Amino acid sequence: MLTTKQILDAAEKVLRKFGPRKTTVVDVARELSVSHGTVYRHFKAKADLHEAITKRWLERVTAPLAAIATEQSDPKVRLRQW
């Protein structure tokens, strides 16, 4: 069974290859060897898929930064880590 994570992983791969303007849901489906209808069961529109990818990327970036920001170490060290 196809998961949302698998779709997002494939979409990121395709986006890196073609860019956000040229990537289609059909391209993502092709990467997964499924029909585009299968992708649409998880995401109602291409914009929803892009939003999910953006949110996932932001979570990956902000989580480590939040950890650095809350540390009690020297500010210079934290700035370098950032």
PDB file of N, CA and C in Angstrom:
ATOM      1  N   MET A   1       0.839  -1.180   0.000  1.00  0.00           N
ATOM      2  CA  MET A   1       0.000   0.000   0.000  1.00  0.00           C
ATOM      3  C   MET A   1       0.887   1.246   0.000  1.00  0.00           C
ATOM      4  N   LEU A   2       0.561   2.173  -0.841  1.00  0.00           N
ATOM      5  CA  LEU A   2       1.326   3.402  -0.991  1.00  0.00           C
ATOM      6  C   LEU A   2       1.065   4.344   0.176  1.00  0.00           C
ATOM      7  N   THR A   3       2.142   4.888   0.735  1.00  0.00           N
ATOM      8  CA  THR A   3       1.999   5.793   1.876  1.00  0.00           C
ATOM      9  C   THR A   3       2.265   7.239   1.445  1.00  0.00           C
ATOM     10  N   THR A   4       1.810   8.159   2.268  1.00  0.00           N
ATOM     11  CA  THR A   4       2.050   9.576   2.020  1.00  0.00           C
ATOM     12  C   THR A   4       3.547   9.853   2.006  1.00  0.00           C
ATOM     13  N   LYS A   5       4.280   9.217   2.904  1.00  0.00           N
ATOM     14  CA  LYS A   5       5.733   9.404   2.954  1.00  0.00           C
ATOM     15  C   LYS A   5       6.380   8.988   1.641  1.00  0.00           C
ATOM     16  N   GLN A   6       5.963   7.869   1.084  1.00  0.00           N
ATOM     17  CA  GLN A   6       6.522   7.410  -0.184  1.00  0.00           C
ATOM     18  C   GLN A   6       6.234   8.417  -1.300  1.00  0.00           C
ATOM     19  N   ILE A   7       5.044   8.960  -1.299  1.00  0.00           N
ATOM     20  CA  ILE A   7       4.686   9.951  -2.314  1.00  0.00           C
ATOM     21  C   ILE A   7       5.547  11.198  -2.150  1.00  0.00           C
ATOM     22  N   LEU A   8       5.704  11.664  -0.915  1.00  0.00           N
ATOM     23  CA  LEU A   8       6.506  12.854  -0.674  1.00  0.00           C
ATOM     24  C   LEU A   8       7.973  12.620  -1.042  1.00  0.00           C
ATOM     25  N   ASP A   9       8.490  11.445  -0.731  1.00  0.00           N
ATOM     26  CA  ASP A   9       9.866  11.117  -1.103  1.00  0.00           C
ATOM     27  C   ASP A   9      10.039  11.165  -2.621  1.00  0.00           C
ATOM     28  N   ALA A  10       9.106  10.555  -3.330  1.00  0.00           N
ATOM     29  CA  ALA A  10       9.168  10.538  -4.796  1.00  0.00           C
ATOM     30  C   ALA A  10       8.991  11.943  -5.363  1.00  0.00           C
ATOM     31  N   ALA A  11       8.077  12.695  -4.789  1.00  0.00           N
ATOM     32  CA  ALA A  11       7.832  14.062  -5.268  1.00  0.00           C
ATOM     33  C   ALA A  11       9.074  14.928  -5.087  1.00  0.00           C
ATOM     34  N   GLU A  12       9.751  14.795  -3.963  1.00  0.00           N
ATOM     35  CA  GLU A  12      10.983  15.555  -3.754  1.00  0.00           C
ATOM     36  C   GLU A  12      12.034  15.194  -4.801  1.00  0.00           C
ATOM     37  N   LYS A  13      12.146  13.917  -5.087  1.00  0.00           N
ATOM     38  CA  LYS A  13      13.112  13.460  -6.090  1.00  0.00           C
ATOM     39  C   LYS A  13      12.791  14.056  -7.460  1.00  0.00           C
ATOM     40  N   VAL A  14      11.526  14.012  -7.831  1.00  0.00           N
ATOM     41  CA  VAL A  14      11.099  14.541  -9.127  1.00  0.00           C
ATOM     42  C   VAL A  14      11.245  16.066  -9.164  1.00  0.00           C
ATOM     43  N   LEU A  15      10.928  16.725  -8.069  1.00  0.00           N
ATOM     44  CA  LEU A  15      11.079  18.183  -8.008  1.00  0.00           C
ATOM     45  C   LEU A  15      12.534  18.603  -8.189  1.00  0.00           C
ATOM     46  N   ARG A  16      13.442  17.866  -7.592  1.00  0.00           N
ATOM     47  CA  ARG A  16      14.862  18.176  -7.762  1.00  0.00           C
ATOM     48  C   ARG A  16      15.285  18.006  -9.220  1.00  0.00           C
ATOM     49  N   LYS A  17      14.666  17.069  -9.891  1.00  0.00           N
ATOM     50  CA  LYS A  17      15.026  16.784 -11.281  1.00  0.00           C
ATOM     51  C   LYS A  17      14.433  17.814 -12.257  1.00  0.00           C
ATOM     52  N   PHE A  18      13.136  18.135 -12.094  1.00  0.00           N
ATOM     53  CA  PHE A  18      12.437  18.980 -13.066  1.00  0.00           C
ATOM     54  C   PHE A  18      12.139  20.397 -12.584  1.00  0.00           C
ATOM     55  N   GLY A  19      12.180  20.611 -11.270  1.00  0.00           N
ATOM     56  CA  GLY A  19      11.806  21.921 -10.739  1.00  0.00           C
ATOM     57  C   GLY A  19      10.315  21.992 -10.461  1.00  0.00           C
ATOM     58  N   PRO A  20       9.908  22.937  -9.607  1.00  0.00           N
ATOM     59  CA  PRO A  20       8.507  22.999  -9.190  1.00  0.00           C
ATOM     60  C   PRO A  20       7.519  23.357 -10.304  1.00  0.00           C
ATOM     61  N   ARG A  21       7.929  24.153 -11.255  1.00  0.00           N
ATOM     62  CA  ARG A  21       6.994  24.550 -12.320  1.00  0.00           C
ATOM     63  C   ARG A  21       6.719  23.431 -13.313  1.00  0.00           C
ATOM     64  N   LYS A  22       7.731  22.620 -13.580  1.00  0.00           N
ATOM     65  CA  LYS A  22       7.579  21.578 -14.599  1.00  0.00           C
ATOM     66  C   LYS A  22       7.138  20.231 -14.048  1.00  0.00           C
ATOM     67  N   THR A  23       7.240  20.039 -12.754  1.00  0.00           N
ATOM     68  CA  THR A  23       6.852  18.759 -12.157  1.00  0.00           C
ATOM     69  C   THR A  23       5.334  18.633 -12.142  1.00  0.00           C
ATOM     70  N   THR A  24       4.852  17.488 -12.556  1.00  0.00           N
ATOM     71  CA  THR A  24       3.413  17.218 -12.533  1.00  0.00           C
ATOM     72  C   THR A  24       3.132  16.037 -11.612  1.00  0.00           C
ATOM     73  N   VAL A  25       1.877  15.888 -11.270  1.00  0.00           N
ATOM     74  CA  VAL A  25       1.459  14.733 -10.466  1.00  0.00           C
ATOM     75  C   VAL A  25       1.707  13.456 -11.264  1.00  0.00           C
ATOM     76  N   VAL A  26       1.559  13.522 -12.564  1.00  0.00           N
ATOM     77  CA  VAL A  26       1.834  12.363 -13.414  1.00  0.00           C
ATOM     78  C   VAL A  26       3.307  11.964 -13.303  1.00  0.00           C
ATOM     79  N   ASP A  27       4.206  12.951 -13.248  1.00  0.00           N
ATOM     80  CA  ASP A  27       5.640  12.644 -13.074  1.00  0.00           C
ATOM     81  C   ASP A  27       5.890  11.910 -11.760  1.00  0.00           C
ATOM     82  N   VAL A  28       5.240  12.371 -10.709  1.00  0.00           N
ATOM     83  CA  VAL A  28       5.392  11.734  -9.393  1.00  0.00           C
ATOM     84  C   VAL A  28       4.842  10.316  -9.447  1.00  0.00           C
ATOM     85  N   ALA A  29       3.679  10.156 -10.042  1.00  0.00           N
ATOM     86  CA  ALA A  29       3.074   8.825 -10.165  1.00  0.00           C
ATOM     87  C   ALA A  29       3.970   7.894 -10.975  1.00  0.00           C
ATOM     88  N   ARG A  30       4.527   8.425 -12.043  1.00  0.00           N
ATOM     89  CA  ARG A  30       5.424   7.619 -12.872  1.00  0.00           C
ATOM     90  C   ARG A  30       6.637   7.152 -12.059  1.00  0.00           C
ATOM     91  N   GLU A  31       7.176   8.026 -11.235  1.00  0.00           N
ATOM     92  CA  GLU A  31       8.318   7.678 -10.376  1.00  0.00           C
ATOM     93  C   GLU A  31       7.956   6.520  -9.438  1.00  0.00           C
ATOM     94  N   LEU A  32       6.700   6.482  -9.017  1.00  0.00           N
ATOM     95  CA  LEU A  32       6.222   5.451  -8.093  1.00  0.00           C
ATOM     96  C   LEU A  32       5.659   4.220  -8.802  1.00  0.00           C
ATOM     97  N   SER A  33       5.562   4.296 -10.124  1.00  0.00           N
ATOM     98  CA  SER A  33       4.953   3.219 -10.933  1.00  0.00           C
ATOM     99  C   SER A  33       3.508   2.961 -10.532  1.00  0.00           C
ATOM    100  N   VAL A  34       2.765   4.065 -10.330  1.00  0.00           N
ATOM    101  CA  VAL A  34       1.333   3.982 -10.034  1.00  0.00           C
ATOM    102  C   VAL A  34       0.603   4.971 -10.936  1.00  0.00           C
ATOM    103  N   SER A  35      -0.708   4.913 -10.929  1.00  0.00           N
ATOM    104  CA  SER A  35      -1.485   5.880 -11.705  1.00  0.00           C
ATOM    105  C   SER A  35      -1.538   7.212 -10.960  1.00  0.00           C
ATOM    106  N   HIS A  36      -1.747   8.293 -11.705  1.00  0.00           N
ATOM    107  CA  HIS A  36      -1.832   9.598 -11.044  1.00  0.00           C
ATOM    108  C   HIS A  36      -3.050   9.673 -10.126  1.00  0.00           C
ATOM    109  N   GLY A  37      -4.068   8.878 -10.399  1.00  0.00           N
ATOM    110  CA  GLY A  37      -5.237   8.814  -9.528  1.00  0.00           C
ATOM    111  C   GLY A  37      -4.877   8.336  -8.127  1.00  0.00           C
ATOM    112  N   THR A  38      -3.896   7.451  -8.058  1.00  0.00           N
ATOM    113  CA  THR A  38      -3.436   6.959  -6.758  1.00  0.00           C
ATOM    114  C   THR A  38      -2.830   8.094  -5.939  1.00  0.00           C
ATOM    115  N   VAL A  39      -2.068   8.956  -6.581  1.00  0.00           N
ATOM    116  CA  VAL A  39      -1.480  10.103  -5.887  1.00  0.00           C
ATOM    117  C   VAL A  39      -2.593  11.053  -5.445  1.00  0.00           C
ATOM    118  N   TYR A  40      -3.587  11.244  -6.316  1.00  0.00           N
ATOM    119  CA  TYR A  40      -4.701  12.140  -5.987  1.00  0.00           C
ATOM    120  C   TYR A  40      -5.561  11.616  -4.832  1.00  0.00           C
ATOM    121  N   ARG A  41      -5.466  10.349  -4.506  1.00  0.00           N
ATOM    122  CA  ARG A  41      -6.181   9.837  -3.328  1.00  0.00           C
ATOM    123  C   ARG A  41      -5.580  10.401  -2.042  1.00  0.00           C
ATOM    124  N   HIS A  42      -4.296  10.730  -2.100  1.00  0.00           N
ATOM    125  CA  HIS A  42      -3.599  11.276  -0.935  1.00  0.00           C
ATOM    126  C   HIS A  42      -3.579  12.804  -0.934  1.00  0.00           C
ATOM    127  N   PHE A  43      -3.517  13.397  -2.122  1.00  0.00           N
ATOM    128  CA  PHE A  43      -3.454  14.851  -2.273  1.00  0.00           C
ATOM    129  C   PHE A  43      -4.458  15.274  -3.328  1.00  0.00           C
ATOM    130  N   LYS A  44      -5.365  16.180  -2.960  1.00  0.00           N
ATOM    131  CA  LYS A  44      -6.449  16.562  -3.865  1.00  0.00           C
ATOM    132  C   LYS A  44      -5.973  17.350  -5.073  1.00  0.00           C
ATOM    133  N   ALA A  45      -4.848  18.051  -4.929  1.00  0.00           N
ATOM    134  CA  ALA A  45      -4.336  18.873  -6.028  1.00  0.00           C
ATOM    135  C   ALA A  45      -2.815  18.937  -5.951  1.00  0.00           C
ATOM    136  N   LYS A  46      -2.216  19.346  -7.051  1.00  0.00           N
ATOM    137  CA  LYS A  46      -0.762  19.516  -7.097  1.00  0.00           C
ATOM    138  C   LYS A  46      -0.319  20.510  -6.028  1.00  0.00           C
ATOM    139  N   ALA A  47      -1.098  21.550  -5.820  1.00  0.00           N
ATOM    140  CA  ALA A  47      -0.760  22.558  -4.800  1.00  0.00           C
ATOM    141  C   ALA A  47      -0.709  21.942  -3.404  1.00  0.00           C
ATOM    142  N   ASP A  48      -1.595  21.009  -3.122  1.00  0.00           N
ATOM    143  CA  ASP A  48      -1.594  20.330  -1.818  1.00  0.00           C
ATOM    144  C   ASP A  48      -0.327  19.493  -1.643  1.00  0.00           C
ATOM    145  N   LEU A  49       0.101  18.861  -2.717  1.00  0.00           N
ATOM    146  CA  LEU A  49       1.327  18.074  -2.686  1.00  0.00           C
ATOM    147  C   LEU A  49       2.529  18.989  -2.447  1.00  0.00           C
ATOM    148  N   HIS A  50       2.575  20.113  -3.143  1.00  0.00           N
ATOM    149  CA  HIS A  50       3.672  21.070  -2.941  1.00  0.00           C
ATOM    150  C   HIS A  50       3.676  21.608  -1.518  1.00  0.00           C
ATOM    151  N   GLU A  51       2.505  21.875  -0.985  1.00  0.00           N
ATOM    152  CA  GLU A  51       2.411  22.381   0.390  1.00  0.00           C
ATOM    153  C   GLU A  51       2.944  21.352   1.387  1.00  0.00           C
ATOM    154  N   ALA A  52       2.598  20.096   1.188  1.00  0.00           N
ATOM    155  CA  ALA A  52       3.077  19.043   2.080  1.00  0.00           C
ATOM    156  C   ALA A  52       4.595  18.900   2.005  1.00  0.00           C
ATOM    157  N   ILE A  53       5.140  19.007   0.815  1.00  0.00           N
ATOM    158  CA  ILE A  53       6.591  18.926   0.650  1.00  0.00           C
ATOM    159  C   ILE A  53       7.258  20.107   1.341  1.00  0.00           C
ATOM    160  N   THR A  54       6.695  21.288   1.172  1.00  0.00           N
ATOM    161  CA  THR A  54       7.251  22.491   1.800  1.00  0.00           C
ATOM    162  C   THR A  54       7.210  22.383   3.321  1.00  0.00           C
ATOM    163  N   LYS A  55       6.094  21.924   3.862  1.00  0.00           N
ATOM    164  CA  LYS A  55       5.980  21.764   5.317  1.00  0.00           C
ATOM    165  C   LYS A  55       7.010  20.766   5.837  1.00  0.00           C
ATOM    166  N   ARG A  56       7.171  19.661   5.128  1.00  0.00           N
ATOM    167  CA  ARG A  56       8.134  18.648   5.555  1.00  0.00           C
ATOM    168  C   ARG A  56       9.553  19.206   5.528  1.00  0.00           C
ATOM    169  N   TRP A  57       9.887  19.965   4.481  1.00  0.00           N
ATOM    170  CA  TRP A  57      11.209  20.568   4.393  1.00  0.00           C
ATOM    171  C   TRP A  57      11.428  21.566   5.531  1.00  0.00           C
ATOM    172  N   LEU A  58      10.431  22.394   5.806  1.00  0.00           N
ATOM    173  CA  LEU A  58      10.552  23.368   6.885  1.00  0.00           C
ATOM    174  C   LEU A  58      10.739  22.689   8.239  1.00  0.00           C
ATOM    175  N   GLU A  59      10.049  21.589   8.458  1.00  0.00           N
ATOM    176  CA  GLU A  59      10.217  20.843   9.707  1.00  0.00           C
ATOM    177  C   GLU A  59      11.638  20.304   9.827  1.00  0.00           C
ATOM    178  N   ARG A  60      12.195  19.820   8.725  1.00  0.00           N
ATOM    179  CA  ARG A  60      13.561  19.303   8.740  1.00  0.00           C
ATOM    180  C   ARG A  60      14.570  20.400   9.066  1.00  0.00           C
ATOM    181  N   VAL A  61      14.296  21.591   8.585  1.00  0.00           N
ATOM    182  CA  VAL A  61      15.224  22.703   8.785  1.00  0.00           C
ATOM    183  C   VAL A  61      15.051  23.337  10.155  1.00  0.00           C
ATOM    184  N   THR A  62      13.818  23.530  10.576  1.00  0.00           N
ATOM    185  CA  THR A  62      13.584  24.274  11.814  1.00  0.00           C
ATOM    186  C   THR A  62      13.839  23.456  13.073  1.00  0.00           C
ATOM    187  N   ALA A  63      13.641  22.171  13.041  1.00  0.00           N
ATOM    188  CA  ALA A  63      13.846  21.355  14.246  1.00  0.00           C
ATOM    189  C   ALA A  63      15.283  21.453  14.763  1.00  0.00           C
ATOM    190  N   PRO A  64      16.287  21.266  13.913  1.00  0.00           N
ATOM    191  CA  PRO A  64      17.661  21.410  14.420  1.00  0.00           C
ATOM    192  C   PRO A  64      17.963  22.840  14.871  1.00  0.00           C
ATOM    193  N   LEU A  65      17.431  23.814  14.185  1.00  0.00           N
ATOM    194  CA  LEU A  65      17.673  25.199  14.564  1.00  0.00           C
ATOM    195  C   LEU A  65      17.023  25.528  15.901  1.00  0.00           C
ATOM    196  N   ALA A  66      15.841  24.995  16.137  1.00  0.00           N
ATOM    197  CA  ALA A  66      15.169  25.223  17.420  1.00  0.00           C
ATOM    198  C   ALA A  66      15.980  24.622  18.561  1.00  0.00           C
ATOM    199  N   ALA A  67      16.560  23.461  18.324  1.00  0.00           N
ATOM    200  CA  ALA A  67      17.386  22.829  19.357  1.00  0.00           C
ATOM    201  C   ALA A  67      18.605  23.690  19.671  1.00  0.00           C
ATOM    202  N   ILE A  68      19.222  24.246  18.645  1.00  0.00           N
ATOM    203  CA  ILE A  68      20.383  25.117  18.857  1.00  0.00           C
ATOM    204  C   ILE A  68      19.967  26.374  19.624  1.00  0.00           C
ATOM    205  N   ALA A  69      18.833  26.934  19.262  1.00  0.00           N
ATOM    206  CA  ALA A  69      18.370  28.178  19.883  1.00  0.00           C
ATOM    207  C   ALA A  69      18.074  28.011  21.373  1.00  0.00           C
ATOM    208  N   THR A  70      17.678  26.828  21.788  1.00  0.00           N
ATOM    209  CA  THR A  70      17.313  26.624  23.197  1.00  0.00           C
ATOM    210  C   THR A  70      18.477  26.133  24.061  1.00  0.00           C
ATOM    211  N   GLU A  71      19.619  25.863  23.420  1.00  0.00           N
ATOM    212  CA  GLU A  71      20.792  25.434  24.196  1.00  0.00           C
ATOM    213  C   GLU A  71      21.246  26.558  25.130  1.00  0.00           C
ATOM    214  N   GLN A  72      21.931  26.158  26.178  1.00  0.00           N
ATOM    215  CA  GLN A  72      22.440  27.129  27.145  1.00  0.00           C
ATOM    216  C   GLN A  72      23.939  27.383  26.966  1.00  0.00           C
ATOM    217  N   SER A  73      24.482  27.022  25.809  1.00  0.00           N
ATOM    218  CA  SER A  73      25.916  27.197  25.585  1.00  0.00           C
ATOM    219  C   SER A  73      26.236  28.636  25.175  1.00  0.00           C
ATOM    220  N   ASP A  74      27.511  28.880  24.978  1.00  0.00           N
ATOM    221  CA  ASP A  74      28.007  30.194  24.583  1.00  0.00           C
ATOM    222  C   ASP A  74      27.313  30.645  23.281  1.00  0.00           C
ATOM    223  N   PRO A  75      26.830  31.878  23.242  1.00  0.00           N
ATOM    224  CA  PRO A  75      26.149  32.374  22.035  1.00  0.00           C
ATOM    225  C   PRO A  75      26.998  32.283  20.770  1.00  0.00           C
ATOM    226  N   LYS A  76      28.310  32.491  20.903  1.00  0.00           N
ATOM    227  CA  LYS A  76      29.185  32.380  19.726  1.00  0.00           C
ATOM    228  C   LYS A  76      29.189  30.958  19.177  1.00  0.00           C
ATOM    229  N   VAL A  77      29.211  29.991  20.074  1.00  0.00           N
ATOM    230  CA  VAL A  77      29.181  28.577  19.671  1.00  0.00           C
ATOM    231  C   VAL A  77      27.848  28.268  18.994  1.00  0.00           C
ATOM    232  N   ARG A  78      26.765  28.734  19.597  1.00  0.00           N
ATOM    233  CA  ARG A  78      25.434  28.492  19.014  1.00  0.00           C
ATOM    234  C   ARG A  78      25.306  29.140  17.642  1.00  0.00           C
ATOM    235  N   LEU A  79      25.868  30.315  17.483  1.00  0.00           N
ATOM    236  CA  LEU A  79      25.806  30.988  16.199  1.00  0.00           C
ATOM    237  C   LEU A  79      26.550  30.196  15.124  1.00  0.00           C
ATOM    238  N   ARG A  80      27.698  29.650  15.496  1.00  0.00           N
ATOM    239  CA  ARG A  80      28.448  28.809  14.542  1.00  0.00           C
ATOM    240  C   ARG A  80      27.655  27.548  14.188  1.00  0.00           C
ATOM    241  N   GLN A  81      27.013  26.963  15.188  1.00  0.00           N
ATOM    242  CA  GLN A  81      26.205  25.762  14.920  1.00  0.00           C
ATOM    243  C   GLN A  81      25.035  26.092  13.984  1.00  0.00           C
ATOM    244  N   TRP A  82      24.462  27.264  14.193  1.00  0.00           N
ATOM    245  CA  TRP A  82      23.325  27.695  13.385  1.00  0.00           C
ATOM    246  C   TRP A  82      23.767  27.776  11.954  1.00  0.00           C
TER     247      TRP A  82
END
